[in-house]
Amino acid sequence: MHGSHCYAQCCGKHSWRRRDFLSASALAVGSALLNGCAPGSAARNGAVSMLAAAPRCGPGANCVPTIHAAFVRRKGPYGMWWPGEVYDGDAARAMYTRKIQETGAQLRANVTLRPEPLCSAAEADEWLAHATQANCDGLLLVLLDRQQHAWPTADKAIDSGIPTVIYAPLGTAFTTNTAAPSRKAGAVIYCTDDFCQPAYGMKMLAAGARMKATRVVVIHGSARSDGEFPRLGIKLRHVPASTFLDLYRAMPENQEMQQIADEYLARAKRVFGATRQDVLNGAHSYLVARQIMRQEEADGITMDCLGVLGPTKMSLPCLAWSRMNDDGIPAACEADLGAVASHVVVQYLFDRPGFQQDPVPETVRKAVIGAHCSCPTRLNGFDKPPEPFYLRHHHAERDATTQTIWRVGQDVTCIDVLAEGKNKDVPRVLISSGKVLENMKVPPSGGCVVSVMVKFDGVEDVLAFPGFHQLFFYGSFKQHLVDFCRLFKLEAQVL
């Protein structure tokens, strides 16, 4: 997981292709901005659907992360000391300047790059003091030297309390330089000539800033209140369950609901049991959720769906949440706040949706079956073709949902963000990776209609697989998540 190939999965072209789709989505973008919202990722990135994606209307959508960056080196020739006279520091600085600027533009981040390298400890102290005063979201320090003040400056940046990415191209570090600082939380160190790793570091800094700006509406209970998810800073706006019920009853069936239903019926490989009216009802719930997000200026949504809608004839939001996550809107089932945080992390870091599920042990194959009734289809990425799906009732034989077909043999990562770890104020993140073995048939098996079996690396006791409502998502990103936890001082538990 430490090589450039694995980081290219997350730092590759799929993450940075918004410019390619500007002409196709300009009208939708303009309309959404006029309404004070940002378009969902599917609309930004060339989705197959011709219908407008749900907008993110919260502060996270308009957040512009600020990153302060600088180079470090000594004045004068390198001479005998590493990286040596063989190293063209000026050419390296020009190349990395271009890469930093390009990455910042692709991330829609404001990167302030110091015009000249930090050539002394005093200059380094001044730069760090300015970054601290500016309250920036993160630091990127590029070492073009191994000697004198280079690594002491890296240590100072790490100890500043600002999330810090240290990039040391080959020739600027020995393991004696990296061993001690690599154990400190609040920073990641990348030593390679491949810029993909520091580019991912910049993406983590940007994602962390957007998470702190993100607002999620939580539909639950009877009272309004505002809270916050610890350490990640995700804002939680609790609204009464009656908000959804009243709006659903007041919203008549309309043409957009019919278009959404017809699109799903046309795209489905097969339809089992679910009627057009069932699909229409799912589209109804989707539009209600979209309206609530607009009203509450939210970037994501979750609801106590079983408690709110289970006793009624209104459509559970299984189809709605599937579509929201395809749109790039974090949408979590059952008002699970840890699942909300997991959705946000996966979407902001990896540009793809995850599948929130109930873990079921399978003891013959020593695997875990992720079972739930709301699964997105754009598992490969928001700008990638969706996976095939069936339309059917969920396991209660009511409403309509997508039974997405997972690719057998596909690498997957599992994440579960828990609000508390060993330290009450520090979230714990469960991380594992494996491969898809099979899509279970339900029926004849019981349980949720989307039931994907995964064999996780190194997990022998599947009866004690930890967590609940974990997210499965495409790709092998275990090390990426470990780096994210280290950068933002979260407790990582790698299975």
Protein backbone atom coordinates (compact mmCIF):
# COMPACT_ATOMS: atom_id res chain seq x y z
CA MET A 1 0.00 0.00 0.00
CA HIS A 2 3.00 2.36 0.21
CA GLY A 3 3.79 2.42 -3.51
CA SER A 4 2.77 5.03 -6.07
CA HIS A 5 0.40 2.65 -7.85
CA CYS A 6 -1.92 2.34 -4.87
CA TYR A 7 -2.00 6.10 -4.32
CA ALA A 8 -2.75 6.65 -8.01
CA GLN A 9 -6.09 4.94 -7.42
CA CYS A 10 -7.18 7.90 -5.32
CA CYS A 11 -5.06 10.67 -6.77
CA GLY A 12 -5.64 9.79 -10.41
CA LYS A 13 -7.60 11.45 -13.15
CA HIS A 14 -11.00 10.37 -11.87
CA SER A 15 -10.60 12.75 -8.93
CA TRP A 16 -9.75 15.79 -11.03
CA ARG A 17 -11.92 15.79 -14.15
CA ARG A 18 -14.41 18.54 -13.36
CA ARG A 19 -13.10 20.74 -16.18
CA ASP A 20 -13.94 18.04 -18.72
CA PHE A 21 -17.61 18.31 -17.85
CA LEU A 22 -18.10 22.05 -17.42
CA SER A 23 -19.77 22.57 -20.77
CA ALA A 24 -22.23 19.72 -20.21
CA SER A 25 -23.23 20.91 -16.75
CA ALA A 26 -22.97 24.70 -17.04
CA LEU A 27 -26.71 25.30 -17.05
CA ALA A 28 -27.29 23.05 -14.03
CA VAL A 29 -24.42 24.69 -12.15
CA GLY A 30 -25.69 28.18 -12.89
CA SER A 31 -29.20 27.32 -11.77
CA ALA A 32 -27.99 25.72 -8.54
CA LEU A 33 -25.73 28.66 -7.66
CA LEU A 34 -28.59 31.08 -8.19
CA ASN A 35 -30.50 29.07 -5.59
CA GLY A 36 -27.59 29.25 -3.14
CA CYS A 37 -26.62 25.58 -3.58
CA ALA A 38 -23.79 23.69 -5.19
CA PRO A 39 -24.61 20.84 -7.59
CA GLY A 40 -24.08 17.28 -6.46
CA SER A 41 -20.97 15.45 -7.63
CA ALA A 42 -22.82 13.40 -10.22
CA ALA A 43 -23.98 16.56 -11.95
CA ARG A 44 -20.48 18.04 -11.81
CA ASN A 45 -18.83 14.94 -13.18
CA GLY A 46 -20.90 13.89 -16.15
CA ALA A 47 -23.48 11.46 -14.79
CA VAL A 48 -25.48 9.29 -17.18
CA SER A 49 -28.71 10.71 -15.77
CA MET A 50 -30.13 13.65 -17.69
CA LEU A 51 -31.97 14.79 -14.56
CA ALA A 52 -30.46 17.36 -12.21
CA ALA A 53 -28.60 15.92 -9.24
CA ALA A 54 -29.56 16.90 -5.72
CA PRO A 55 -27.59 19.99 -4.65
CA ARG A 56 -25.43 20.34 -1.59
CA CYS A 57 -26.79 23.49 0.01
CA GLY A 58 -24.64 23.70 3.12
CA PRO A 59 -21.48 25.60 3.97
CA GLY A 60 -19.35 22.59 3.05
CA ALA A 61 -20.29 23.00 -0.60
CA ASN A 62 -18.80 26.48 -0.76
CA CYS A 63 -15.80 25.93 1.50
CA VAL A 64 -12.46 26.97 -0.01
CA PRO A 65 -9.69 25.29 2.01
CA THR A 66 -6.53 27.29 2.70
CA ILE A 67 -3.14 25.59 2.56
CA HIS A 68 0.18 27.32 3.28
CA ALA A 69 3.11 25.77 1.43
CA ALA A 70 6.85 26.37 1.39
CA PHE A 71 10.12 24.86 0.20
CA VAL A 72 13.09 24.36 2.55
CA ARG A 73 16.76 24.37 1.57
CA ARG A 74 20.06 25.99 2.50
CA LYS A 75 21.59 28.86 0.55
CA GLY A 76 24.39 28.19 -1.88
CA PRO A 77 25.56 24.98 -3.57
CA TYR A 78 24.73 21.55 -2.17
CA GLY A 79 28.35 20.35 -2.35
CA MET A 80 29.08 17.06 -0.63
CA TRP A 81 26.07 17.17 1.71
CA TRP A 82 22.90 15.45 0.54
CA PRO A 83 21.16 15.79 -1.84
CA GLY A 84 24.56 16.67 -3.37
CA GLU A 85 25.62 18.64 -6.42
CA VAL A 86 24.00 16.00 -8.63
CA TYR A 87 20.60 17.37 -7.54
CA ASP A 88 19.17 20.30 -9.50
CA GLY A 89 17.28 22.03 -6.72
CA ASP A 90 16.09 24.88 -8.95
CA ALA A 91 14.57 22.49 -11.50
CA ALA A 92 12.96 20.45 -8.71
CA ARG A 93 11.49 23.59 -7.16
CA ALA A 94 10.05 24.70 -10.52
CA MET A 95 8.53 21.26 -11.13
CA TYR A 96 7.00 20.92 -7.68
CA THR A 97 5.71 24.49 -7.80
CA ARG A 98 3.77 23.60 -10.92
CA LYS A 99 2.44 20.39 -9.38
CA ILE A 100 1.38 22.13 -6.16
CA GLN A 101 -0.44 24.85 -8.08
CA GLU A 102 -2.16 22.35 -10.37
CA THR A 103 -3.23 20.19 -7.44
CA GLY A 104 -4.56 23.19 -5.55
CA ALA A 105 -6.65 24.24 -8.54
CA GLN A 106 -8.01 20.74 -8.98
CA LEU A 107 -8.95 20.60 -5.30
CA ARG A 108 -10.53 24.07 -5.43
CA ALA A 109 -8.21 25.07 -2.60
CA ASN A 110 -6.42 28.34 -1.96
CA VAL A 111 -2.73 27.43 -1.80
CA THR A 112 -0.40 30.18 -0.57
CA LEU A 113 3.10 29.16 -1.68
CA ARG A 114 5.97 31.18 -0.22
CA PRO A 115 7.79 32.82 -3.17
CA GLU A 116 11.27 31.92 -1.90
CA PRO A 117 12.47 28.83 -0.01
CA LEU A 118 12.94 28.91 3.74
CA CYS A 119 16.72 29.29 3.89
CA SER A 120 17.17 29.66 7.65
CA ALA A 121 15.59 28.68 10.93
CA ALA A 122 14.53 32.31 11.46
CA GLU A 123 12.67 32.38 8.13
CA ALA A 124 11.01 29.09 9.04
CA ASP A 125 9.84 30.47 12.38
CA GLU A 126 8.43 33.58 10.68
CA TRP A 127 6.56 31.47 8.09
CA LEU A 128 5.04 29.22 10.74
CA ALA A 129 3.99 32.20 12.84
CA HIS A 130 2.23 33.73 9.82
CA ALA A 131 0.47 30.45 8.99
CA THR A 132 -0.72 30.12 12.58
CA GLN A 133 -1.99 33.69 12.66
CA ALA A 134 -3.80 33.17 9.34
CA ASN A 135 -5.60 30.13 10.85
CA CYS A 136 -4.94 28.11 7.69
CA ASP A 137 -6.36 24.62 7.26
CA GLY A 138 -3.06 22.87 6.64
CA LEU A 139 0.65 23.07 5.90
CA LEU A 140 2.62 21.55 3.02
CA LEU A 141 6.37 21.60 3.53
CA VAL A 142 8.59 20.43 0.64
CA LEU A 143 12.13 19.57 1.63
CA LEU A 144 14.77 20.19 -1.05
CA ASP A 145 17.56 19.59 1.45
CA ARG A 146 18.55 17.12 4.18
CA GLN A 147 20.95 19.34 6.07
CA GLN A 148 21.00 22.21 8.56
CA HIS A 149 17.53 23.60 9.34
CA ALA A 150 15.56 21.31 6.94
CA TRP A 151 14.36 18.58 9.30
CA PRO A 152 14.24 20.84 12.37
CA THR A 153 11.82 22.99 10.34
CA ALA A 154 9.77 19.89 9.54
CA ASP A 155 9.62 19.11 13.28
CA LYS A 156 8.46 22.64 14.05
CA ALA A 157 5.73 22.42 11.42
CA ILE A 158 4.48 19.12 12.85
CA ASP A 159 4.51 20.56 16.38
CA SER A 160 2.60 23.68 15.29
CA GLY A 161 -0.77 21.99 15.82
CA ILE A 162 -1.75 22.64 12.20
CA PRO A 163 -2.36 19.47 10.11
CA THR A 164 0.92 19.08 8.21
CA VAL A 165 2.10 17.19 5.13
CA ILE A 166 5.88 16.80 4.85
CA TYR A 167 7.18 15.91 1.39
CA ALA A 168 10.79 14.76 1.13
CA PRO A 169 11.85 13.71 -2.39
CA LEU A 170 14.59 11.10 -2.63
CA GLY A 171 17.92 12.47 -1.46
CA THR A 172 16.44 14.68 1.26
CA ALA A 173 15.91 12.15 4.04
CA PHE A 174 17.52 9.24 5.83
CA THR A 175 15.46 7.01 8.06
CA THR A 176 17.32 8.66 10.94
CA ASN A 177 15.55 11.89 9.90
CA THR A 178 12.10 10.38 9.57
CA ALA A 179 11.85 7.82 12.38
CA ALA A 180 10.98 10.15 15.25
CA PRO A 181 8.68 12.66 13.46
CA SER A 182 6.83 9.86 11.66
CA ARG A 183 5.46 8.72 15.04
CA LYS A 184 3.87 12.08 15.80
CA ALA A 185 0.15 12.55 15.26
CA GLY A 186 -1.07 15.52 13.25
CA ALA A 187 1.23 14.98 10.28
CA VAL A 188 2.13 12.58 7.49
CA ILE A 189 5.54 12.23 5.86
CA TYR A 190 5.94 11.12 2.26
CA CYS A 191 9.40 10.22 0.95
CA THR A 192 9.27 9.51 -2.78
CA ASP A 193 9.88 11.15 -6.15
CA ASP A 194 6.26 10.38 -7.06
CA PHE A 195 4.15 13.47 -6.34
CA CYS A 196 0.99 11.39 -6.09
CA GLN A 197 1.46 10.91 -2.35
CA PRO A 198 1.84 14.60 -1.43
CA ALA A 199 -1.04 15.34 -3.82
CA TYR A 200 -3.16 12.98 -1.72
CA GLY A 201 -1.82 14.75 1.36
CA MET A 202 -3.15 18.02 -0.04
CA LYS A 203 -6.45 16.31 -0.74
CA MET A 204 -6.66 15.19 2.90
CA LEU A 205 -6.03 18.75 4.06
CA ALA A 206 -8.78 20.04 1.77
CA ALA A 207 -11.17 17.28 2.82
CA GLY A 208 -10.54 18.00 6.49
CA ALA A 209 -11.42 21.65 5.99
CA ARG A 210 -14.60 20.78 4.11
CA MET A 211 -15.65 18.29 6.77
CA LYS A 212 -15.45 21.01 9.43
CA ALA A 213 -17.67 23.21 7.25
CA THR A 214 -20.14 20.43 6.39
CA ARG A 215 -23.66 20.47 7.80
CA VAL A 216 -25.80 17.30 7.91
CA VAL A 217 -29.52 17.41 8.66
CA VAL A 218 -30.62 14.68 11.10
CA ILE A 219 -34.36 13.90 10.94
CA HIS A 220 -35.24 12.39 14.29
CA GLY A 221 -37.46 12.90 17.33
CA SER A 222 -39.49 16.01 18.02
CA ALA A 223 -36.97 18.76 18.83
CA ARG A 224 -34.59 21.00 16.93
CA SER A 225 -30.98 21.23 18.05
CA ASP A 226 -27.47 21.69 16.68
CA GLY A 227 -24.47 19.55 17.51
CA GLU A 228 -21.11 18.52 16.13
CA PHE A 229 -19.31 15.25 15.42
CA PRO A 230 -16.15 15.16 17.56
CA ARG A 231 -12.77 16.02 16.02
CA LEU A 232 -14.07 15.90 12.41
CA GLY A 233 -16.21 18.95 13.14
CA ILE A 234 -19.17 17.87 10.97
CA LYS A 235 -22.16 20.00 11.98
CA LEU A 236 -25.30 18.07 12.93
CA ARG A 237 -28.63 19.87 12.61
CA HIS A 238 -31.39 17.84 14.26
CA VAL A 239 -34.93 18.54 12.98
CA PRO A 240 -38.23 16.94 14.06
CA ALA A 241 -39.44 13.83 12.25
CA SER A 242 -42.66 15.70 11.45
CA THR A 243 -40.62 17.83 9.03
CA PHE A 244 -40.40 14.92 6.60
CA LEU A 245 -43.93 13.67 7.20
CA ASP A 246 -45.57 17.05 6.67
CA LEU A 247 -43.60 17.86 3.54
CA TYR A 248 -44.26 14.41 2.02
CA ARG A 249 -48.01 14.84 2.52
CA ALA A 250 -47.97 18.39 1.14
CA MET A 251 -45.91 17.60 -1.99
CA PRO A 252 -48.12 16.34 -4.86
CA GLU A 253 -46.92 13.85 -7.44
CA ASN A 254 -45.21 15.81 -10.20
CA GLN A 255 -43.45 15.45 -13.52
CA GLU A 256 -39.97 15.21 -12.01
CA MET A 257 -41.03 12.24 -9.88
CA GLN A 258 -42.35 10.55 -13.01
CA GLN A 259 -39.11 11.24 -14.90
CA ILE A 260 -37.00 9.81 -12.08
CA ALA A 261 -39.20 6.70 -11.86
CA ASP A 262 -39.11 6.16 -15.63
CA GLU A 263 -35.33 6.55 -15.66
CA TYR A 264 -34.88 3.88 -12.97
CA LEU A 265 -37.28 1.51 -14.69
CA ALA A 266 -35.43 1.97 -17.98
CA ARG A 267 -31.97 1.46 -16.45
CA ALA A 268 -32.81 -1.58 -14.30
CA LYS A 269 -31.66 -4.94 -15.64
CA ARG A 270 -34.80 -6.54 -14.20
CA VAL A 271 -37.68 -5.58 -11.93
CA PHE A 272 -38.82 -7.95 -9.19
CA GLY A 273 -42.13 -7.17 -7.52
CA ALA A 274 -41.75 -3.40 -7.37
CA THR A 275 -44.38 -1.50 -9.33
CA ARG A 276 -44.03 1.83 -11.09
CA GLN A 277 -45.98 3.37 -8.21
CA ASP A 278 -43.45 1.97 -5.74
CA VAL A 279 -40.66 3.62 -7.72
CA LEU A 280 -42.67 6.85 -7.92
CA ASN A 281 -43.02 6.78 -4.14
CA GLY A 282 -39.25 6.40 -3.81
CA ALA A 283 -38.76 9.40 -6.10
CA HIS A 284 -41.24 11.26 -3.89
CA SER A 285 -39.08 10.62 -0.80
CA TYR A 286 -36.01 11.75 -2.74
CA LEU A 287 -37.57 15.11 -3.64
CA VAL A 288 -38.79 15.61 -0.07
CA ALA A 289 -35.26 14.96 1.24
CA ARG A 290 -33.84 17.34 -1.35
CA GLN A 291 -36.27 20.06 -0.26
CA ILE A 292 -35.35 19.61 3.41
CA MET A 293 -31.67 19.95 2.53
CA ARG A 294 -32.44 23.24 0.81
CA GLN A 295 -34.49 24.49 3.73
CA GLU A 296 -31.82 23.56 6.28
CA GLU A 297 -28.85 24.53 4.09
CA ALA A 298 -27.35 21.08 4.44
CA ASP A 299 -24.60 19.12 2.67
CA GLY A 300 -25.86 15.69 3.80
CA ILE A 301 -28.82 13.96 5.36
CA THR A 302 -29.85 11.10 7.62
CA MET A 303 -33.15 10.02 9.16
CA ASP A 304 -34.57 7.65 11.73
CA CYS A 305 -36.27 6.06 8.72
CA LEU A 306 -37.72 2.99 10.41
CA GLY A 307 -39.02 4.97 13.38
CA VAL A 308 -40.43 7.81 11.27
CA LEU A 309 -41.77 6.06 8.18
CA GLY A 310 -42.00 2.39 9.19
CA PRO A 311 -45.47 2.74 10.76
CA THR A 312 -46.77 4.73 7.76
CA LYS A 313 -47.47 3.90 4.12
CA MET A 314 -44.96 6.50 2.97
CA SER A 315 -41.96 5.20 1.07
CA LEU A 316 -38.89 4.44 3.16
CA PRO A 317 -35.95 6.40 1.68
CA CYS A 318 -34.03 3.36 0.40
CA LEU A 319 -34.21 4.50 -3.23
CA ALA A 320 -33.84 8.14 -2.19
CA TRP A 321 -30.65 7.50 -0.19
CA SER A 322 -29.21 5.38 -3.03
CA ARG A 323 -29.72 8.27 -5.42
CA MET A 324 -28.45 10.87 -2.95
CA ASN A 325 -25.20 8.95 -2.54
CA ASP A 326 -24.93 8.59 -6.31
CA ASP A 327 -25.33 12.38 -6.48
CA GLY A 328 -22.41 12.89 -4.09
CA ILE A 329 -24.66 13.68 -1.13
CA PRO A 330 -23.75 11.82 2.09
CA ALA A 331 -27.02 10.07 3.01
CA ALA A 332 -27.04 7.68 5.97
CA CYS A 333 -29.71 5.25 7.12
CA GLU A 334 -31.33 5.12 10.57
CA ALA A 335 -29.96 8.45 11.89
CA ASP A 336 -26.61 6.74 12.51
CA LEU A 337 -24.18 9.60 13.11
CA GLY A 338 -21.10 7.39 12.78
CA ALA A 339 -22.37 6.26 9.39
CA VAL A 340 -22.89 9.91 8.45
CA ALA A 341 -19.23 10.61 9.27
CA SER A 342 -18.14 7.51 7.32
CA HIS A 343 -20.08 8.65 4.23
CA VAL A 344 -18.51 12.11 4.45
CA VAL A 345 -14.98 10.71 4.79
CA VAL A 346 -15.36 8.30 1.86
CA GLN A 347 -16.97 10.79 -0.50
CA TYR A 348 -14.62 13.68 0.28
CA LEU A 349 -11.44 11.59 0.10
CA PHE A 350 -12.21 9.09 -2.65
CA ASP A 351 -14.86 10.68 -4.91
CA ARG A 352 -17.20 7.71 -4.71
CA PRO A 353 -20.09 6.55 -2.53
CA GLY A 354 -20.01 3.83 0.09
CA PHE A 355 -22.54 1.18 1.04
CA GLN A 356 -23.75 1.33 4.65
CA GLN A 357 -24.63 -2.18 5.79
CA ASP A 358 -25.32 -4.61 8.60
CA PRO A 359 -22.43 -7.12 8.99
CA VAL A 360 -23.46 -10.78 8.79
CA PRO A 361 -20.92 -13.58 9.47
CA GLU A 362 -20.47 -16.42 6.97
CA THR A 363 -18.47 -19.13 8.76
CA VAL A 364 -17.84 -21.61 5.92
CA ARG A 365 -15.99 -19.10 3.76
CA LYS A 366 -14.83 -16.96 6.70
CA ALA A 367 -16.37 -13.92 5.11
CA VAL A 368 -18.61 -11.02 6.07
CA ILE A 369 -21.84 -10.31 4.22
CA GLY A 370 -22.79 -6.63 4.09
CA ALA A 371 -26.59 -6.56 4.04
CA HIS A 372 -28.84 -3.52 3.65
CA CYS A 373 -31.55 -2.17 1.37
CA SER A 374 -30.05 1.11 0.24
CA CYS A 375 -27.02 0.79 -2.00
CA PRO A 376 -25.68 3.38 -4.47
CA THR A 377 -24.87 2.33 -8.02
CA ARG A 378 -21.87 4.58 -8.82
CA LEU A 379 -19.47 2.42 -6.85
CA ASN A 380 -16.61 3.07 -9.30
CA GLY A 381 -16.79 6.84 -8.81
CA PHE A 382 -19.15 9.74 -9.34
CA ASP A 383 -17.90 10.32 -12.89
CA LYS A 384 -17.77 6.62 -13.78
CA PRO A 385 -20.49 4.40 -15.28
CA PRO A 386 -22.81 2.90 -12.64
CA GLU A 387 -22.87 -0.77 -11.78
CA PRO A 388 -25.90 -2.73 -13.05
CA PHE A 389 -28.84 -3.08 -10.70
CA TYR A 390 -32.24 -4.70 -10.25
CA LEU A 391 -35.29 -2.91 -8.92
CA ARG A 392 -37.22 -4.75 -6.25
CA HIS A 393 -39.00 -4.47 -2.93
CA HIS A 394 -36.80 -4.48 0.13
CA HIS A 395 -36.94 -7.34 2.62
CA ALA A 396 -40.26 -6.18 4.10
CA GLU A 397 -41.84 -6.63 0.64
CA ARG A 398 -42.73 -2.96 0.33
CA ASP A 399 -41.38 0.15 -1.39
CA ALA A 400 -38.70 -0.01 -4.09
CA THR A 401 -34.93 -0.09 -3.93
CA THR A 402 -31.87 -0.74 -6.09
CA GLN A 403 -30.22 -4.14 -5.77
CA THR A 404 -26.78 -3.15 -7.01
CA ILE A 405 -24.62 -5.96 -8.43
CA TRP A 406 -21.10 -5.81 -7.02
CA ARG A 407 -18.18 -6.90 -9.20
CA VAL A 408 -16.84 -10.27 -8.03
CA GLY A 409 -13.10 -10.06 -7.30
CA GLN A 410 -13.27 -6.30 -6.78
CA ASP A 411 -10.99 -4.81 -4.11
CA VAL A 412 -13.02 -3.16 -1.37
CA THR A 413 -12.26 -1.18 1.76
CA CYS A 414 -14.38 -1.12 4.90
CA ILE A 415 -14.61 1.88 7.23
CA ASP A 416 -16.58 2.49 10.40
CA VAL A 417 -16.20 5.84 12.17
CA LEU A 418 -17.12 5.59 15.84
CA ALA A 419 -17.68 8.76 17.85
CA GLU A 420 -15.54 7.50 20.73
CA GLY A 421 -12.35 5.48 20.98
CA LYS A 422 -10.16 4.80 24.00
CA ASN A 423 -10.24 8.55 24.54
CA LYS A 424 -13.84 9.76 24.89
CA ASP A 425 -13.22 12.82 22.72
CA VAL A 426 -11.31 11.04 19.94
CA PRO A 427 -13.23 9.09 17.26
CA ARG A 428 -12.08 5.56 16.51
CA VAL A 429 -11.93 4.44 12.88
CA LEU A 430 -12.18 0.73 12.05
CA ILE A 431 -10.37 -0.06 8.79
CA SER A 432 -10.14 -3.28 6.78
CA SER A 433 -9.77 -4.38 3.17
CA GLY A 434 -10.62 -7.41 1.09
CA LYS A 435 -12.29 -8.69 -2.06
CA VAL A 436 -15.85 -9.33 -3.17
CA LEU A 437 -16.66 -13.06 -3.24
CA GLU A 438 -20.32 -13.16 -4.20
CA ASN A 439 -23.64 -11.33 -4.47
CA MET A 440 -26.00 -13.34 -2.28
CA LYS A 441 -29.46 -14.21 -3.58
CA VAL A 442 -32.20 -12.90 -1.31
CA PRO A 443 -34.46 -14.87 -1.46
CA PRO A 444 -33.89 -17.79 -0.97
CA SER A 445 -31.62 -16.40 1.77
CA GLY A 446 -33.22 -14.04 4.24
CA GLY A 447 -32.26 -10.50 5.07
CA CYS A 448 -31.72 -7.35 3.05
CA VAL A 449 -31.88 -7.62 -0.71
CA VAL A 450 -28.41 -6.15 -1.22
CA SER A 451 -26.15 -8.73 0.42
CA VAL A 452 -22.54 -8.66 -0.78
CA MET A 453 -20.06 -11.20 0.60
CA VAL A 454 -16.51 -9.96 1.22
CA LYS A 455 -13.43 -11.88 2.29
CA PHE A 456 -11.37 -9.52 4.46
CA ASP A 457 -7.58 -9.80 4.64
CA GLY A 458 -6.38 -11.33 7.90
CA VAL A 459 -9.84 -11.67 9.45
CA GLU A 460 -10.30 -15.21 10.73
CA ASP A 461 -12.92 -14.74 13.44
CA VAL A 462 -15.80 -13.37 11.38
CA LEU A 463 -18.18 -13.96 14.30
CA ALA A 464 -16.47 -11.07 16.08
CA PHE A 465 -16.01 -8.71 13.12
CA PRO A 466 -16.16 -5.30 14.87
CA GLY A 467 -18.52 -2.43 14.20
CA PHE A 468 -21.97 -1.96 12.73
CA HIS A 469 -23.28 0.02 9.78
CA GLN A 470 -19.76 0.01 8.35
CA LEU A 471 -19.31 1.28 4.80
CA PHE A 472 -18.01 -0.99 2.06
CA PHE A 473 -16.59 0.90 -0.92
CA TYR A 474 -14.63 0.07 -4.06
CA GLY A 475 -10.82 0.25 -4.00
CA SER A 476 -7.95 -0.70 -1.73
CA PHE A 477 -7.49 2.34 0.50
CA LYS A 478 -6.40 0.99 3.88
CA GLN A 479 -3.16 3.00 4.02
CA HIS A 480 -4.92 6.14 2.79
CA LEU A 481 -7.30 5.95 5.75
CA VAL A 482 -4.48 5.27 8.18
CA ASP A 483 -2.76 8.42 6.89
CA PHE A 484 -5.99 10.38 7.27
CA CYS A 485 -6.35 9.24 10.88
CA ARG A 486 -2.76 10.19 11.68
CA LEU A 487 -3.12 13.63 10.04
CA PHE A 488 -6.28 14.49 11.99
CA LYS A 489 -5.39 12.70 15.23
CA LEU A 490 -8.03 10.00 15.04
CA GLU A 491 -7.64 6.53 16.56
CA ALA A 492 -7.13 4.02 13.74
CA GLN A 493 -7.88 0.33 14.34
CA VAL A 494 -6.65 -1.68 11.38
CA LEU A 495 -8.03 -5.22 11.14
